[in-house]
């Protein structure tokens, strides 16, 4: 299980400091669960169930995570648009 950065660049609280991460980076264990959840809710990080190794496969995992985040956003946008459309 890993958290993959989907934003171009973002900052996360790491222990008692902050650290910058770029798209495709895997968040280290020092990032708290609460911080990971906050970053997922902000849409800058995606949760990936399979452990991702930092190699060529990380780019594919980051792309998949970004696509999953984009799909979730599109679905949420569609639901919001449907809620605003008056019923006939």
PDB file of N, CA and C in Angstrom:
ATOM      1  N   UNK A   1       0.845  -1.170   0.000  1.00  0.00           N
ATOM      2  CA  UNK A   1       0.000   0.000   0.000  1.00  0.00           C
ATOM      3  C   UNK A   1       0.892   1.235   0.000  1.00  0.00           C
ATOM      4  N   UNK A   2       0.544   2.188  -0.841  1.00  0.00           N
ATOM      5  CA  UNK A   2       1.375   3.383  -0.959  1.00  0.00           C
ATOM      6  C   UNK A   2       0.525   4.569  -1.351  1.00  0.00           C
ATOM      7  N   UNK A   3       1.040   5.737  -1.065  1.00  0.00           N
ATOM      8  CA  UNK A   3       0.429   6.984  -1.484  1.00  0.00           C
ATOM      9  C   UNK A   3       1.328   7.601  -2.545  1.00  0.00           C
ATOM     10  N   UNK A   4       0.776   7.831  -3.737  1.00  0.00           N
ATOM     11  CA  UNK A   4       1.520   8.345  -4.878  1.00  0.00           C
ATOM     12  C   UNK A   4       1.104   9.789  -5.138  1.00  0.00           C
ATOM     13  N   UNK A   5       2.069  10.666  -5.348  1.00  0.00           N
ATOM     14  CA  UNK A   5       1.785  12.072  -5.640  1.00  0.00           C
ATOM     15  C   UNK A   5       1.253  12.180  -7.065  1.00  0.00           C
ATOM     16  N   UNK A   6       0.079  12.806  -7.210  1.00  0.00           N
ATOM     17  CA  UNK A   6      -0.532  12.989  -8.524  1.00  0.00           C
ATOM     18  C   UNK A   6      -0.434  14.442  -8.991  1.00  0.00           C
ATOM     19  N   UNK A   7      -0.174  15.358  -8.083  1.00  0.00           N
ATOM     20  CA  UNK A   7      -0.014  16.768  -8.439  1.00  0.00           C
ATOM     21  C   UNK A   7       1.384  16.987  -9.012  1.00  0.00           C
ATOM     22  N   UNK A   8       1.558  18.069  -9.744  1.00  0.00           N
ATOM     23  CA  UNK A   8       2.867  18.386 -10.312  1.00  0.00           C
ATOM     24  C   UNK A   8       3.893  18.540  -9.200  1.00  0.00           C
ATOM     25  N   UNK A   9       3.524  19.266  -8.157  1.00  0.00           N
ATOM     26  CA  UNK A   9       4.381  19.414  -6.981  1.00  0.00           C
ATOM     27  C   UNK A   9       3.481  19.724  -5.795  1.00  0.00           C
ATOM     28  N   UNK A  10       3.852  19.220  -4.627  1.00  0.00           N
ATOM     29  CA  UNK A  10       3.074  19.484  -3.423  1.00  0.00           C
ATOM     30  C   UNK A  10       3.978  19.364  -2.206  1.00  0.00           C
ATOM     31  N   UNK A  11       3.488  19.834  -1.073  1.00  0.00           N
ATOM     32  CA  UNK A  11       4.250  19.774   0.168  1.00  0.00           C
ATOM     33  C   UNK A  11       3.456  18.951   1.181  1.00  0.00           C
ATOM     34  N   UNK A  12       4.180  18.148   1.957  1.00  0.00           N
ATOM     35  CA  UNK A  12       3.539  17.319   2.981  1.00  0.00           C
ATOM     36  C   UNK A  12       4.289  17.482   4.291  1.00  0.00           C
ATOM     37  N   UNK A  13       3.547  17.353   5.391  1.00  0.00           N
ATOM     38  CA  UNK A  13       4.168  17.388   6.713  1.00  0.00           C
ATOM     39  C   UNK A  13       4.838  16.043   6.938  1.00  0.00           C
ATOM     40  N   UNK A  14       6.116  16.087   7.266  1.00  0.00           N
ATOM     41  CA  UNK A  14       6.908  14.873   7.474  1.00  0.00           C
ATOM     42  C   UNK A  14       7.565  14.984   8.834  1.00  0.00           C
ATOM     43  N   UNK A  15       7.116  14.199   9.789  1.00  0.00           N
ATOM     44  CA  UNK A  15       7.572  14.286  11.175  1.00  0.00           C
ATOM     45  C   UNK A  15       7.358  15.718  11.676  1.00  0.00           C
ATOM     46  N   UNK A  16       8.424  16.437  12.007  1.00  0.00           N
ATOM     47  CA  UNK A  16       8.279  17.806  12.521  1.00  0.00           C
ATOM     48  C   UNK A  16       8.680  18.864  11.501  1.00  0.00           C
ATOM     49  N   UNK A  17       8.643  18.516  10.222  1.00  0.00           N
ATOM     50  CA  UNK A  17       9.024  19.466   9.185  1.00  0.00           C
ATOM     51  C   UNK A  17       8.095  19.292   7.986  1.00  0.00           C
ATOM     52  N   UNK A  18       8.418  19.987   6.909  1.00  0.00           N
ATOM     53  CA  UNK A  18       7.671  19.853   5.665  1.00  0.00           C
ATOM     54  C   UNK A  18       8.648  19.495   4.561  1.00  0.00           C
ATOM     55  N   UNK A  19       8.155  18.753   3.578  1.00  0.00           N
ATOM     56  CA  UNK A  19       9.013  18.341   2.466  1.00  0.00           C
ATOM     57  C   UNK A  19       8.221  18.428   1.174  1.00  0.00           C
ATOM     58  N   UNK A  20       8.901  18.837   0.111  1.00  0.00           N
ATOM     59  CA  UNK A  20       8.278  18.923  -1.201  1.00  0.00           C
ATOM     60  C   UNK A  20       8.396  17.589  -1.924  1.00  0.00           C
ATOM     61  N   UNK A  21       7.338  17.245  -2.667  1.00  0.00           N
ATOM     62  CA  UNK A  21       7.318  16.034  -3.470  1.00  0.00           C
ATOM     63  C   UNK A  21       6.853  16.398  -4.865  1.00  0.00           C
ATOM     64  N   UNK A  22       7.305  15.634  -5.852  1.00  0.00           N
ATOM     65  CA  UNK A  22       6.907  15.852  -7.231  1.00  0.00           C
ATOM     66  C   UNK A  22       6.043  14.695  -7.710  1.00  0.00           C
ATOM     67  N   UNK A  23       5.364  14.901  -8.830  1.00  0.00           N
ATOM     68  CA  UNK A  23       4.470  13.897  -9.402  1.00  0.00           C
ATOM     69  C   UNK A  23       5.186  12.562  -9.561  1.00  0.00           C
ATOM     70  N   UNK A  24       4.546  11.495  -9.096  1.00  0.00           N
ATOM     71  CA  UNK A  24       5.104  10.159  -9.196  1.00  0.00           C
ATOM     72  C   UNK A  24       5.866   9.713  -7.962  1.00  0.00           C
ATOM     73  N   UNK A  25       6.184  10.642  -7.060  1.00  0.00           N
ATOM     74  CA  UNK A  25       6.894  10.273  -5.833  1.00  0.00           C
ATOM     75  C   UNK A  25       5.994   9.436  -4.930  1.00  0.00           C
ATOM     76  N   UNK A  26       6.606   8.549  -4.177  1.00  0.00           N
ATOM     77  CA  UNK A  26       5.898   7.756  -3.178  1.00  0.00           C
ATOM     78  C   UNK A  26       6.137   8.414  -1.827  1.00  0.00           C
ATOM     79  N   UNK A  27       5.059   8.676  -1.078  1.00  0.00           N
ATOM     80  CA  UNK A  27       5.228   9.302   0.220  1.00  0.00           C
ATOM     81  C   UNK A  27       5.914   8.330   1.178  1.00  0.00           C
ATOM     82  N   UNK A  28       6.902   8.795   1.948  1.00  0.00           N
ATOM     83  CA  UNK A  28       7.615   7.915   2.879  1.00  0.00           C
ATOM     84  C   UNK A  28       6.780   7.597   4.118  1.00  0.00           C
ATOM     85  N   UNK A  29       7.241   6.651   4.886  1.00  0.00           N
ATOM     86  CA  UNK A  29       6.524   6.197   6.082  1.00  0.00           C
ATOM     87  C   UNK A  29       6.409   7.291   7.137  1.00  0.00           C
ATOM     88  N   UNK A  30       7.263   8.295   7.101  1.00  0.00           N
ATOM     89  CA  UNK A  30       7.230   9.370   8.093  1.00  0.00           C
ATOM     90  C   UNK A  30       6.029  10.293   7.966  1.00  0.00           C
ATOM     91  N   UNK A  31       5.289  10.190   6.864  1.00  0.00           N
ATOM     92  CA  UNK A  31       4.076  10.998   6.680  1.00  0.00           C
ATOM     93  C   UNK A  31       2.941  10.295   7.416  1.00  0.00           C
ATOM     94  N   UNK A  32       2.298  11.008   8.341  1.00  0.00           N
ATOM     95  CA  UNK A  32       1.254  10.388   9.168  1.00  0.00           C
ATOM     96  C   UNK A  32       0.031   9.983   8.343  1.00  0.00           C
ATOM     97  N   UNK A  33      -0.751   9.061   8.888  1.00  0.00           N
ATOM     98  CA  UNK A  33      -1.980   8.628   8.213  1.00  0.00           C
ATOM     99  C   UNK A  33      -2.946   9.793   8.041  1.00  0.00           C
ATOM    100  N   UNK A  34      -3.033  10.661   9.055  1.00  0.00           N
ATOM    101  CA  UNK A  34      -3.929  11.814   8.970  1.00  0.00           C
ATOM    102  C   UNK A  34      -3.494  12.747   7.842  1.00  0.00           C
ATOM    103  N   UNK A  35      -2.193  12.964   7.702  1.00  0.00           N
ATOM    104  CA  UNK A  35      -1.677  13.817   6.634  1.00  0.00           C
ATOM    105  C   UNK A  35      -1.951  13.177   5.274  1.00  0.00           C
ATOM    106  N   UNK A  36      -1.762  11.866   5.154  1.00  0.00           N
ATOM    107  CA  UNK A  36      -2.044  11.169   3.891  1.00  0.00           C
ATOM    108  C   UNK A  36      -3.511  11.323   3.510  1.00  0.00           C
ATOM    109  N   UNK A  37      -4.406  11.157   4.479  1.00  0.00           N
ATOM    110  CA  UNK A  37      -5.839  11.294   4.210  1.00  0.00           C
ATOM    111  C   UNK A  37      -6.175  12.718   3.781  1.00  0.00           C
ATOM    112  N   UNK A  38      -5.533  13.712   4.398  1.00  0.00           N
ATOM    113  CA  UNK A  38      -5.763  15.106   4.041  1.00  0.00           C
ATOM    114  C   UNK A  38      -5.326  15.366   2.599  1.00  0.00           C
ATOM    115  N   UNK A  39      -4.176  14.799   2.228  1.00  0.00           N
ATOM    116  CA  UNK A  39      -3.641  14.999   0.879  1.00  0.00           C
ATOM    117  C   UNK A  39      -4.499  14.291  -0.172  1.00  0.00           C
ATOM    118  N   UNK A  40      -5.032  13.124   0.162  1.00  0.00           N
ATOM    119  CA  UNK A  40      -5.941  12.421  -0.757  1.00  0.00           C
ATOM    120  C   UNK A  40      -7.212  13.248  -0.948  1.00  0.00           C
ATOM    121  N   UNK A  41      -7.755  13.782   0.151  1.00  0.00           N
ATOM    122  CA  UNK A  41      -8.965  14.596   0.068  1.00  0.00           C
ATOM    123  C   UNK A  41      -8.726  15.865  -0.756  1.00  0.00           C
ATOM    124  N   UNK A  42      -7.510  16.388  -0.702  1.00  0.00           N
ATOM    125  CA  UNK A  42      -7.165  17.589  -1.473  1.00  0.00           C
ATOM    126  C   UNK A  42      -6.944  17.259  -2.944  1.00  0.00           C
ATOM    127  N   UNK A  43      -6.828  15.977  -3.272  1.00  0.00           N
ATOM    128  CA  UNK A  43      -6.670  15.563  -4.657  1.00  0.00           C
ATOM    129  C   UNK A  43      -5.246  15.637  -5.185  1.00  0.00           C
ATOM    130  N   UNK A  44      -4.257  15.718  -4.296  1.00  0.00           N
ATOM    131  CA  UNK A  44      -2.865  15.817  -4.740  1.00  0.00           C
ATOM    132  C   UNK A  44      -2.104  14.500  -4.578  1.00  0.00           C
ATOM    133  N   UNK A  45      -2.753  13.527  -3.924  1.00  0.00           N
ATOM    134  CA  UNK A  45      -2.145  12.213  -3.678  1.00  0.00           C
ATOM    135  C   UNK A  45      -3.207  11.157  -3.922  1.00  0.00           C
ATOM    136  N   UNK A  46      -2.788  10.013  -4.454  1.00  0.00           N
ATOM    137  CA  UNK A  46      -3.714   8.891  -4.651  1.00  0.00           C
ATOM    138  C   UNK A  46      -3.213   7.691  -3.862  1.00  0.00           C
ATOM    139  N   UNK A  47      -4.150   6.933  -3.320  1.00  0.00           N
ATOM    140  CA  UNK A  47      -3.831   5.719  -2.579  1.00  0.00           C
ATOM    141  C   UNK A  47      -3.776   4.553  -3.561  1.00  0.00           C
ATOM    142  N   UNK A  48      -2.681   3.805  -3.523  1.00  0.00           N
ATOM    143  CA  UNK A  48      -2.511   2.644  -4.394  1.00  0.00           C
ATOM    144  C   UNK A  48      -2.372   1.423  -3.495  1.00  0.00           C
ATOM    145  N   UNK A  49      -3.191   0.406  -3.742  1.00  0.00           N
ATOM    146  CA  UNK A  49      -3.195  -0.766  -2.869  1.00  0.00           C
ATOM    147  C   UNK A  49      -1.917  -1.581  -2.949  1.00  0.00           C
ATOM    148  N   UNK A  50      -1.338  -1.726  -4.156  1.00  0.00           N
ATOM    149  CA  UNK A  50      -0.123  -2.523  -4.298  1.00  0.00           C
ATOM    150  C   UNK A  50       1.094  -1.669  -3.996  1.00  0.00           C
ATOM    151  N   UNK A  51       2.064  -2.252  -3.334  1.00  0.00           N
ATOM    152  CA  UNK A  51       3.315  -1.559  -3.027  1.00  0.00           C
ATOM    153  C   UNK A  51       4.010  -1.188  -4.324  1.00  0.00           C
ATOM    154  N   UNK A  52       4.479   0.021  -4.422  1.00  0.00           N
ATOM    155  CA  UNK A  52       5.137   0.502  -5.627  1.00  0.00           C
ATOM    156  C   UNK A  52       6.628   0.616  -5.359  1.00  0.00           C
ATOM    157  N   UNK A  53       7.429   0.012  -6.204  1.00  0.00           N
ATOM    158  CA  UNK A  53       8.876   0.116  -6.087  1.00  0.00           C
ATOM    159  C   UNK A  53       9.317   1.340  -6.872  1.00  0.00           C
ATOM    160  N   UNK A  54      10.297   2.042  -6.350  1.00  0.00           N
ATOM    161  CA  UNK A  54      10.773   3.251  -7.008  1.00  0.00           C
ATOM    162  C   UNK A  54      11.710   2.876  -8.150  1.00  0.00           C
ATOM    163  N   UNK A  55      11.106   2.559  -9.292  1.00  0.00           N
ATOM    164  CA  UNK A  55      11.856   2.220 -10.505  1.00  0.00           C
ATOM    165  C   UNK A  55      11.014   2.630 -11.705  1.00  0.00           C
ATOM    166  N   UNK A  56      11.235   2.031 -12.819  1.00  0.00           N
ATOM    167  CA  UNK A  56      10.480   2.377 -14.021  1.00  0.00           C
ATOM    168  C   UNK A  56       8.986   2.125 -13.828  1.00  0.00           C
ATOM    169  N   UNK A  57       8.620   1.171 -13.013  1.00  0.00           N
ATOM    170  CA  UNK A  57       7.216   0.880 -12.753  1.00  0.00           C
ATOM    171  C   UNK A  57       6.512   1.982 -11.986  1.00  0.00           C
ATOM    172  N   UNK A  58       7.279   2.832 -11.316  1.00  0.00           N
ATOM    173  CA  UNK A  58       6.676   3.918 -10.545  1.00  0.00           C
ATOM    174  C   UNK A  58       5.963   4.907 -11.464  1.00  0.00           C
ATOM    175  N   UNK A  59       6.511   5.145 -12.660  1.00  0.00           N
ATOM    176  CA  UNK A  59       5.857   6.049 -13.594  1.00  0.00           C
ATOM    177  C   UNK A  59       4.508   5.496 -14.033  1.00  0.00           C
ATOM    178  N   UNK A  60       4.451   4.205 -14.294  1.00  0.00           N
ATOM    179  CA  UNK A  60       3.195   3.582 -14.695  1.00  0.00           C
ATOM    180  C   UNK A  60       2.190   3.620 -13.546  1.00  0.00           C
ATOM    181  N   UNK A  61       2.661   3.380 -12.328  1.00  0.00           N
ATOM    182  CA  UNK A  61       1.769   3.425 -11.170  1.00  0.00           C
ATOM    183  C   UNK A  61       1.260   4.841 -10.941  1.00  0.00           C
ATOM    184  N   UNK A  62       2.130   5.820 -11.118  1.00  0.00           N
ATOM    185  CA  UNK A  62       1.719   7.217 -10.952  1.00  0.00           C
ATOM    186  C   UNK A  62       0.686   7.597 -12.011  1.00  0.00           C
ATOM    187  N   UNK A  63       0.886   7.136 -13.237  1.00  0.00           N
ATOM    188  CA  UNK A  63      -0.066   7.418 -14.306  1.00  0.00           C
ATOM    189  C   UNK A  63      -1.409   6.770 -13.995  1.00  0.00           C
ATOM    190  N   UNK A  64      -1.384   5.553 -13.495  1.00  0.00           N
ATOM    191  CA  UNK A  64      -2.622   4.858 -13.142  1.00  0.00           C
ATOM    192  C   UNK A  64      -3.323   5.566 -11.987  1.00  0.00           C
ATOM    193  N   UNK A  65      -2.544   6.009 -11.010  1.00  0.00           N
ATOM    194  CA  UNK A  65      -3.121   6.723  -9.874  1.00  0.00           C
ATOM    195  C   UNK A  65      -3.713   8.053 -10.318  1.00  0.00           C
ATOM    196  N   UNK A  66      -3.010   8.742 -11.204  1.00  0.00           N
ATOM    197  CA  UNK A  66      -3.517  10.014 -11.712  1.00  0.00           C
ATOM    198  C   UNK A  66      -4.808   9.806 -12.494  1.00  0.00           C
ATOM    199  N   UNK A  67      -4.863   8.743 -13.285  1.00  0.00           N
ATOM    200  CA  UNK A  67      -6.073   8.442 -14.044  1.00  0.00           C
ATOM    201  C   UNK A  67      -7.225   8.110 -13.114  1.00  0.00           C
ATOM    202  N   UNK A  68      -6.948   7.349 -12.054  1.00  0.00           N
ATOM    203  CA  UNK A  68      -7.990   7.010 -11.090  1.00  0.00           C
ATOM    204  C   UNK A  68      -8.507   8.264 -10.399  1.00  0.00           C
ATOM    205  N   UNK A  69      -7.605   9.179 -10.056  1.00  0.00           N
ATOM    206  CA  UNK A  69      -8.015  10.434  -9.431  1.00  0.00           C
ATOM    207  C   UNK A  69      -8.845  11.273 -10.402  1.00  0.00           C
ATOM    208  N   UNK A  70      -8.432  11.317 -11.670  1.00  0.00           N
ATOM    209  CA  UNK A  70      -9.174  12.071 -12.677  1.00  0.00           C
ATOM    210  C   UNK A  70     -10.560  11.470 -12.892  1.00  0.00           C
ATOM    211  N   UNK A  71     -10.647  10.135 -12.914  1.00  0.00           N
ATOM    212  CA  UNK A  71     -11.938   9.467 -13.078  1.00  0.00           C
ATOM    213  C   UNK A  71     -12.869   9.780 -11.906  1.00  0.00           C
ATOM    214  N   UNK A  72     -12.312   9.761 -10.680  1.00  0.00           N
ATOM    215  CA  UNK A  72     -13.111  10.053  -9.493  1.00  0.00           C
ATOM    216  C   UNK A  72     -13.610  11.492  -9.528  1.00  0.00           C
ATOM    217  N   UNK A  73     -12.765  12.412  -9.955  1.00  0.00           N
ATOM    218  CA  UNK A  73     -13.157  13.820 -10.052  1.00  0.00           C
ATOM    219  C   UNK A  73     -14.238  14.004 -11.117  1.00  0.00           C
ATOM    220  N   UNK A  74     -14.080  13.340 -12.255  1.00  0.00           N
ATOM    221  CA  UNK A  74     -15.071  13.445 -13.322  1.00  0.00           C
ATOM    222  C   UNK A  74     -16.428  12.918 -12.851  1.00  0.00           C
ATOM    223  N   UNK A  75     -16.408  11.820 -12.116  1.00  0.00           N
ATOM    224  CA  UNK A  75     -17.652  11.253 -11.595  1.00  0.00           C
ATOM    225  C   UNK A  75     -18.306  12.208 -10.601  1.00  0.00           C
ATOM    226  N   UNK A  76     -17.498  12.799  -9.723  1.00  0.00           N
ATOM    227  CA  UNK A  76     -18.032  13.753  -8.745  1.00  0.00           C
ATOM    228  C   UNK A  76     -18.587  14.983  -9.448  1.00  0.00           C
ATOM    229  N   UNK A  77     -17.887  15.461 -10.484  1.00  0.00           N
ATOM    230  CA  UNK A  77     -18.371  16.614 -11.241  1.00  0.00           C
ATOM    231  C   UNK A  77     -19.691  16.300 -11.945  1.00  0.00           C
ATOM    232  N   UNK A  78     -19.813  15.098 -12.488  1.00  0.00           N
ATOM    233  CA  UNK A  78     -21.033  14.690 -13.171  1.00  0.00           C
ATOM    234  C   UNK A  78     -22.195  14.626 -12.188  1.00  0.00           C
ATOM    235  N   UNK A  79     -21.952  14.112 -10.994  1.00  0.00           N
ATOM    236  CA  UNK A  79     -23.009  14.039  -9.989  1.00  0.00           C
ATOM    237  C   UNK A  79     -23.428  15.439  -9.556  1.00  0.00           C
ATOM    238  N   UNK A  80     -22.456  16.344  -9.411  1.00  0.00           N
ATOM    239  CA  UNK A  80     -22.770  17.708  -9.003  1.00  0.00           C
ATOM    240  C   UNK A  80     -23.589  18.404 -10.093  1.00  0.00           C
ATOM    241  N   UNK A  81     -23.226  18.182 -11.347  1.00  0.00           N
ATOM    242  CA  UNK A  81     -23.960  18.777 -12.464  1.00  0.00           C
ATOM    243  C   UNK A  81     -25.385  18.223 -12.522  1.00  0.00           C
ATOM    244  N   UNK A  82     -25.527  16.926 -12.284  1.00  0.00           N
ATOM    245  CA  UNK A  82     -26.857  16.303 -12.309  1.00  0.00           C
ATOM    246  C   UNK A  82     -27.721  16.835 -11.176  1.00  0.00           C
ATOM    247  N   UNK A  83     -27.114  17.120 -10.037  1.00  0.00           N
ATOM    248  CA  UNK A  83     -27.878  17.639  -8.907  1.00  0.00           C
ATOM    249  C   UNK A  83     -28.375  19.054  -9.169  1.00  0.00           C
ATOM    250  N   UNK A  84     -27.637  19.816  -9.992  1.00  0.00           N
ATOM    251  CA  UNK A  84     -28.025  21.188 -10.304  1.00  0.00           C
ATOM    252  C   UNK A  84     -29.068  21.258 -11.403  1.00  0.00           C
ATOM    253  N   UNK A  85     -29.190  20.213 -12.225  1.00  0.00           N
ATOM    254  CA  UNK A  85     -30.130  20.200 -13.341  1.00  0.00           C
ATOM    255  C   UNK A  85     -31.540  19.939 -12.802  1.00  0.00           C
ATOM    256  N   UNK A  86     -32.482  20.822 -13.096  1.00  0.00           N
ATOM    257  CA  UNK A  86     -33.860  20.613 -12.602  1.00  0.00           C
ATOM    258  C   UNK A  86     -34.503  19.408 -13.286  1.00  0.00           C
ATOM    259  N   UNK A  87     -35.299  18.691 -12.522  1.00  0.00           N
ATOM    260  CA  UNK A  87     -36.012  17.526 -13.050  1.00  0.00           C
ATOM    261  C   UNK A  87     -37.146  17.991 -13.935  1.00  0.00           C
ATOM    262  N   UNK A  88     -37.499  17.208 -14.967  1.00  0.00           N
ATOM    263  CA  UNK A  88     -38.588  17.540 -15.888  1.00  0.00           C
ATOM    264  C   UNK A  88     -39.871  16.916 -15.461  1.00  0.00           C
TER     265      UNK A  88
END
